[in-house]
Protein backbone atom coordinates (compact mmCIF):
# COMPACT_ATOMS: atom_id res chain seq x y z
CA MET A 1 64.82 39.15 60.28
CA ASP A 2 66.37 42.56 61.00
CA LEU A 3 65.02 42.75 64.54
CA LYS A 4 66.57 41.08 67.60
CA THR A 5 64.36 41.14 70.67
CA ILE A 6 66.99 39.92 73.12
CA GLU A 7 70.69 39.03 72.92
CA TRP A 8 73.97 39.08 74.87
CA LYS A 9 75.89 42.21 73.95
CA ALA A 10 78.65 44.24 75.62
CA ASN A 11 78.70 41.92 78.63
CA ALA A 12 74.99 42.54 79.28
CA ILE A 13 71.53 41.43 78.21
CA LYS A 14 70.39 43.73 75.43
CA ILE A 15 66.62 43.95 74.94
CA ILE A 16 64.10 46.06 73.10
CA ASP A 17 62.13 48.02 75.71
CA GLN A 18 58.68 47.02 74.52
CA THR A 19 56.93 49.45 76.85
CA LYS A 20 58.22 52.27 74.62
CA LEU A 21 56.69 50.88 71.42
CA PRO A 22 55.25 51.95 69.06
CA ARG A 23 56.36 55.50 69.82
CA LYS A 24 60.05 54.66 70.08
CA LEU A 25 62.34 51.72 69.28
CA GLU A 26 64.73 51.79 72.22
CA TYR A 27 67.28 49.22 73.38
CA ILE A 28 68.36 48.87 76.98
CA TYR A 29 71.28 46.97 78.51
CA ILE A 30 70.61 44.92 81.63
CA ARG A 31 73.62 44.29 83.86
CA ASP A 32 72.12 42.90 87.08
CA LEU A 33 69.46 40.37 88.09
CA LYS A 34 67.18 42.86 89.82
CA SER A 35 66.93 44.91 86.63
CA LEU A 36 66.17 41.78 84.61
CA TRP A 37 63.48 40.67 87.08
CA GLN A 38 61.90 44.11 86.85
CA ALA A 39 62.13 44.18 83.06
CA ILE A 40 60.28 40.87 82.84
CA LYS A 41 57.67 41.89 85.40
CA GLU A 42 57.05 45.22 83.66
CA LEU A 43 56.88 43.55 80.21
CA LYS A 44 59.88 45.37 78.82
CA VAL A 45 60.74 41.93 77.54
CA ARG A 46 57.81 39.54 77.07
CA GLY A 47 56.51 36.64 75.03
CA ALA A 48 56.97 33.05 76.17
CA PRO A 49 59.88 32.10 73.85
CA ALA A 50 61.72 35.35 74.58
CA LEU A 51 61.35 34.66 78.30
CA GLY A 52 63.04 31.29 77.77
CA VAL A 53 66.01 33.17 76.36
CA ALA A 54 65.83 35.73 79.19
CA ALA A 55 65.99 32.84 81.65
CA GLY A 56 69.12 31.41 80.08
CA LEU A 57 70.95 34.69 79.76
CA GLY A 58 69.70 35.76 83.18
CA VAL A 59 71.25 32.75 84.89
CA TYR A 60 74.55 33.46 83.20
CA LEU A 61 74.30 37.12 84.20
CA GLY A 62 73.84 36.02 87.79
CA ILE A 63 76.67 33.48 87.95
CA LYS A 64 79.34 34.98 85.72
CA ASP A 65 81.01 37.00 88.49
CA LEU A 66 80.55 34.54 91.36
CA ARG A 67 83.80 34.07 93.27
CA VAL A 68 83.34 30.47 94.32
CA LYS A 69 85.45 27.52 93.26
CA ASP A 70 83.78 24.45 94.74
CA PHE A 71 80.69 23.08 93.03
CA ALA A 72 78.53 22.78 96.17
CA ARG A 73 78.73 26.51 96.89
CA PHE A 74 78.30 27.31 93.21
CA LEU A 75 75.16 25.18 93.01
CA GLN A 76 73.75 26.88 96.09
CA GLN A 77 74.13 30.29 94.43
CA LEU A 78 72.80 28.97 91.12
CA GLU A 79 69.64 27.66 92.81
CA ARG A 80 69.15 31.03 94.50
CA ILE A 81 69.35 32.80 91.13
CA ILE A 82 66.96 30.32 89.48
CA LYS A 83 64.44 30.66 92.30
CA TYR A 84 64.59 34.46 92.07
CA LEU A 85 64.05 34.58 88.31
CA ALA A 86 61.26 32.00 88.54
CA SER A 87 59.32 34.33 90.84
CA CYS A 88 58.79 37.14 88.32
CA ARG A 89 55.99 35.62 86.18
CA PRO A 90 54.19 32.33 86.80
CA THR A 91 52.44 31.35 83.57
CA ALA A 92 54.92 31.22 80.66
CA ARG A 93 56.30 27.70 80.53
CA ASN A 94 59.36 28.74 78.51
CA LEU A 95 60.73 30.77 81.43
CA PHE A 96 60.88 27.69 83.64
CA TRP A 97 62.05 25.51 80.74
CA GLY A 98 65.01 27.86 80.22
CA LEU A 99 65.87 27.90 83.91
CA GLU A 100 65.80 24.12 84.07
CA LYS A 101 68.12 23.84 81.08
CA MET A 102 70.64 25.99 82.93
CA ARG A 103 70.33 23.85 86.06
CA GLN A 104 70.83 20.64 84.09
CA ALA A 105 73.82 22.09 82.24
CA ALA A 106 75.49 22.71 85.59
CA LEU A 107 74.58 19.35 87.13
CA LYS A 108 75.78 17.36 84.10
CA ASN A 109 79.18 19.04 84.40
CA LYS A 110 79.55 19.11 88.18
CA ASN A 111 82.95 17.43 88.07
CA LYS A 112 84.45 20.20 85.98
CA PRO A 113 85.95 23.45 87.33
CA VAL A 114 83.42 26.19 88.12
CA SER A 115 85.06 28.41 85.51
CA SER A 116 84.30 25.76 82.88
CA ILE A 117 80.71 25.37 84.09
CA LYS A 118 80.19 29.11 83.68
CA ARG A 119 81.30 28.88 80.04
CA ILE A 120 79.03 25.86 79.52
CA ILE A 121 76.04 27.77 80.92
CA PHE A 122 76.74 30.67 78.57
CA THR A 123 76.99 28.28 75.63
CA GLU A 124 73.70 26.66 76.67
CA ALA A 125 72.02 30.07 76.79
CA GLN A 126 73.26 30.79 73.28
CA LYS A 127 71.88 27.43 72.17
CA ILE A 128 68.43 28.50 73.38
CA ILE A 129 68.68 31.53 71.11
CA GLU A 130 69.56 29.41 68.09
CA GLU A 131 66.92 26.83 68.97
CA ASP A 132 64.27 29.55 69.11
CA ARG A 133 65.36 30.97 65.78
CA SER A 134 65.15 27.53 64.19
CA ALA A 135 61.91 26.55 65.95
CA CYS A 136 60.06 29.66 64.81
CA ARG A 137 61.05 29.09 61.20
CA HIS A 138 59.87 25.51 61.39
CA ILE A 139 56.58 26.69 62.90
CA GLY A 140 56.27 29.12 60.00
CA TYR A 141 57.02 26.37 57.48
CA TYR A 142 54.39 23.99 58.85
CA GLY A 143 51.83 26.68 59.58
CA ALA A 144 52.00 28.24 56.13
CA LYS A 145 50.65 24.96 54.72
CA LEU A 146 47.36 25.83 56.43
CA ILE A 147 47.15 29.28 54.83
CA LYS A 148 45.47 29.95 51.50
CA GLY A 149 46.17 32.76 49.05
CA LYS A 150 43.57 35.30 50.15
CA ASP A 151 43.03 34.38 53.77
CA ALA A 152 42.07 37.01 56.32
CA ILE A 153 43.74 36.01 59.58
CA LEU A 154 42.75 37.26 63.03
CA THR A 155 45.35 37.27 65.80
CA ILE A 156 45.56 38.47 69.39
CA CYS A 157 48.35 39.89 71.57
CA ASN A 158 51.80 39.67 70.02
CA ALA A 159 53.30 36.35 68.97
CA GLY A 160 55.82 37.71 66.51
CA ALA A 161 59.45 38.77 66.42
CA LEU A 162 58.96 40.79 69.61
CA ALA A 163 57.82 37.69 71.52
CA THR A 164 60.68 35.52 70.28
CA ILE A 165 64.21 36.17 69.05
CA ASP A 166 63.49 37.56 65.61
CA TYR A 167 60.61 35.84 63.76
CA GLY A 168 57.62 34.71 65.75
CA THR A 169 55.20 31.84 66.28
CA ALA A 170 51.71 32.91 65.19
CA LEU A 171 53.17 35.81 63.18
CA GLY A 172 55.93 33.51 61.95
CA VAL A 173 53.20 31.59 60.11
CA ILE A 174 52.08 34.85 58.53
CA TYR A 175 55.63 35.84 57.57
CA ARG A 176 56.27 32.47 55.94
CA ALA A 177 52.96 32.60 54.05
CA ARG A 178 53.94 36.03 52.75
CA GLU A 179 57.37 34.73 51.74
CA GLU A 180 55.58 32.05 49.73
CA GLY A 181 53.70 34.75 47.83
CA LYS A 182 50.33 34.39 49.54
CA ASN A 183 48.32 37.60 49.52
CA ILE A 184 46.90 37.61 53.04
CA LYS A 185 45.30 40.16 55.33
CA VAL A 186 45.68 40.34 59.08
CA PHE A 187 43.28 41.70 61.68
CA ALA A 188 44.94 42.40 65.03
CA CYS A 189 42.92 42.57 68.25
CA GLU A 190 44.06 45.53 70.34
CA THR A 191 44.41 43.14 73.33
CA ARG A 192 43.30 45.04 76.40
CA PRO A 193 44.43 46.00 78.92
CA LEU A 194 48.11 46.25 77.89
CA LEU A 195 47.39 46.68 74.17
CA GLN A 196 50.08 44.33 72.89
CA GLY A 197 48.11 43.93 69.66
CA ALA A 198 47.73 47.66 69.08
CA ARG A 199 51.21 48.67 70.23
CA LEU A 200 53.34 45.73 69.13
CA THR A 201 51.67 43.51 66.53
CA THR A 202 50.52 46.31 64.27
CA TRP A 203 53.91 48.01 64.57
CA GLU A 204 55.72 44.82 63.70
CA LEU A 205 53.45 43.84 60.79
CA LYS A 206 53.35 47.35 59.34
CA ARG A 207 57.14 47.45 59.51
CA LYS A 208 57.22 44.29 57.41
CA GLY A 209 54.71 45.57 54.88
CA VAL A 210 51.93 43.19 55.90
CA ASP A 211 48.34 44.34 55.26
CA VAL A 212 47.15 44.73 58.87
CA THR A 213 43.98 46.26 60.34
CA LEU A 214 43.60 47.04 64.04
CA ILE A 215 40.30 46.23 65.78
CA CYS A 216 38.95 46.57 69.29
CA ASP A 217 38.71 43.20 71.02
CA SER A 218 34.90 43.41 71.04
CA MET A 219 34.74 43.72 67.24
CA ALA A 220 35.91 40.16 66.53
CA ALA A 221 32.45 38.58 66.64
CA ALA A 222 31.02 41.10 64.17
CA LEU A 223 33.87 40.49 61.73
CA MET A 224 33.29 36.74 61.92
CA GLN A 225 29.56 37.18 61.46
CA GLN A 226 30.22 39.23 58.33
CA GLY A 227 32.46 36.49 56.90
CA LYS A 228 35.56 38.68 57.00
CA ILE A 229 37.74 36.22 58.97
CA SER A 230 38.90 32.93 57.47
CA LYS A 231 41.31 31.76 60.19
CA VAL A 232 42.43 32.64 63.72
CA ILE A 233 46.02 32.06 64.86
CA ALA A 234 47.25 32.72 68.39
CA GLY A 235 50.43 32.02 70.31
CA ALA A 236 50.68 30.23 73.63
CA ASP A 237 52.32 30.61 77.02
CA ARG A 238 51.77 27.07 78.29
CA ILE A 239 50.21 23.95 76.79
CA ALA A 240 49.06 21.00 78.88
CA LEU A 241 49.43 17.36 77.89
CA ASN A 242 45.81 17.22 76.69
CA GLY A 243 46.19 20.30 74.47
CA ASP A 244 44.54 22.85 76.79
CA THR A 245 46.34 26.11 76.12
CA ALA A 246 47.02 29.23 78.18
CA ASN A 247 47.44 32.43 76.19
CA LYS A 248 46.75 36.12 76.56
CA ILE A 249 43.37 36.91 78.12
CA GLY A 250 40.76 37.06 75.37
CA THR A 251 42.10 34.09 73.41
CA TYR A 252 39.39 31.83 74.86
CA ASN A 253 36.77 34.31 73.63
CA LEU A 254 38.12 34.01 70.10
CA ALA A 255 38.15 30.22 70.28
CA VAL A 256 34.49 30.10 71.32
CA LEU A 257 33.54 32.55 68.58
CA SER A 258 35.53 30.59 66.02
CA LYS A 259 33.76 27.37 66.97
CA TYR A 260 30.34 29.00 66.58
CA HIS A 261 31.23 30.54 63.20
CA GLN A 262 33.02 27.37 62.00
CA ILE A 263 36.35 29.15 61.55
CA PRO A 264 39.61 27.21 62.07
CA PHE A 265 41.31 28.21 65.30
CA TYR A 266 45.04 27.47 65.49
CA ILE A 267 47.65 27.70 68.23
CA ALA A 268 51.30 28.19 67.22
CA ALA A 269 54.02 27.35 69.75
CA PRO A 270 57.39 25.59 70.05
CA LEU A 271 58.14 22.40 71.96
CA SER A 272 59.43 24.48 74.89
CA THR A 273 55.91 25.82 75.58
CA PHE A 274 54.50 22.36 76.34
CA ASP A 275 54.32 21.38 80.00
CA PHE A 276 54.38 17.60 80.14
CA SER A 277 54.00 17.61 83.91
CA ILE A 278 50.35 18.71 83.83
CA GLU A 279 47.40 16.82 82.41
CA SER A 280 45.05 19.71 81.70
CA GLY A 281 44.63 23.47 81.73
CA LYS A 282 43.16 23.33 85.24
CA ASP A 283 46.72 23.03 86.54
CA ILE A 284 48.13 26.03 84.66
CA PRO A 285 48.92 28.92 87.04
CA ILE A 286 47.31 32.15 85.86
CA GLU A 287 49.08 35.42 86.63
CA GLU A 288 46.97 38.26 88.02
CA ARG A 289 48.35 41.73 87.50
CA ASP A 290 48.01 45.24 88.94
CA LYS A 291 44.58 46.83 88.62
CA LYS A 292 46.19 50.04 87.33
CA GLU A 293 46.71 48.28 83.99
CA VAL A 294 42.92 48.23 83.60
CA THR A 295 41.96 51.53 85.18
CA GLY A 296 44.32 53.92 83.47
CA LEU A 297 47.79 52.78 82.44
CA PHE A 298 47.59 54.05 78.84
CA PHE A 299 45.30 57.00 79.54
CA LYS A 300 46.05 60.52 80.71
CA ARG A 301 43.32 60.25 83.33
CA PRO A 302 41.81 57.28 85.18
CA ILE A 303 38.94 55.66 83.26
CA ALA A 304 37.24 54.14 86.32
CA PRO A 305 36.13 55.43 89.74
CA ALA A 306 38.79 55.59 92.44
CA GLY A 307 38.88 52.45 94.57
CA ILE A 308 36.92 50.29 92.14
CA LYS A 309 37.59 46.55 92.43
CA VAL A 310 39.36 45.09 89.40
CA PHE A 311 39.86 41.54 88.15
CA ASN A 312 42.94 41.45 85.92
CA PRO A 313 44.13 37.96 84.91
CA ALA A 314 46.85 38.14 82.28
CA PHE A 315 45.85 34.84 80.64
CA ASP A 316 42.95 32.50 80.05
CA VAL A 317 42.86 28.82 79.12
CA THR A 318 41.38 27.57 75.85
CA PRO A 319 40.10 23.98 76.12
CA HIS A 320 41.63 21.61 73.59
CA ARG A 321 38.25 20.78 72.05
CA LEU A 322 38.08 24.34 70.66
CA ILE A 323 41.51 24.13 68.96
CA SER A 324 41.58 22.97 65.34
CA ALA A 325 45.31 22.22 65.40
CA ILE A 326 48.51 23.14 67.23
CA ILE A 327 51.33 24.27 64.94
CA THR A 328 54.71 23.31 66.40
CA ASP A 329 58.32 23.19 65.25
CA LYS A 330 57.95 19.41 65.03
CA GLY A 331 54.85 19.45 62.86
CA ILE A 332 51.11 20.08 63.01
CA ILE A 333 49.32 18.35 65.88
CA ARG A 334 45.63 17.58 65.46
CA PRO A 335 43.12 15.92 67.78
CA HIS A 336 43.27 13.48 69.59
CA TYR A 337 45.78 15.77 71.34
CA LYS A 338 46.79 13.57 74.25
CA LEU A 339 47.86 10.86 71.82
CA ASN A 340 49.25 13.05 69.06
CA ILE A 341 51.22 15.40 71.30
CA LYS A 342 53.17 12.43 72.61
CA LYS A 343 53.55 10.98 69.12
CA ILE A 344 54.66 14.09 67.21
CA LEU A 345 56.76 15.57 70.00
CA ASP A 346 58.27 12.14 70.71
CA ILE A 347 57.82 12.10 74.49
């Protein structure tokens, strides 16, 4: 793909500032941890796989100029950096997965000079980038097998190139299907309150020449009722051992509607999104965000009375029984999820 969401460039973390899209494609260079923390919190960089990369590069950004030579002091500073980055967003599993990979890279090489460990951590961060690139293409390969020639696919939020390195999970399935010559249509939910579907997914798909139609979130049921949707594909931020899946708020709505209208509902996510430490979605932490996102962030004037109480969870959890299959980089996982997740992901 011709779009890189995040990379190491000019001794800094280079990202697309996604808060400026679709009006402007702007890159920013992040040179300190506080700026990275803020960029993640403000969704300048977002999407679970991209946050895994941000974690890896962020740890290197934090340790590269440390002036310590003994491992004990180095590890102390490394743990401080990891704890700080882990505090920015609680739900996306890939963020914590990336941080843990950096910790393990250091611990496995504790007998080497600190200067060597720094280079190893940078190499490990680069490996995450390549792993994401490969994983997304494998997801696309497996997922495209589920797509027919004239399917109309509904998606929510943004699970494309902007949420990964350069290809996507849910949208990666769409890109691969298109590459195989399948003439498909996409309907993108606007995805209130931050409008990732309207701002990011439509921009990305239009840029790639995909036939995409934007809808308000509340229009999905009517489209299904009219027989205009043949499949639903969403990304994921964390998947429990039983297949329960956290994704952008509104995904659960689509899963319930899909079940009622007998439409296949698919989740697309890499191995790094699975959390093998939790049994079910009840244990997935759900981020709650600022009420201003609901009451007026993308409007010139507030759209609600001053002082109104707001409930603004960023994610919801779709129970595994509503998911037709989970498309991963290791293959397609179908129910019984608790058995097949372990089998296909080899855990």
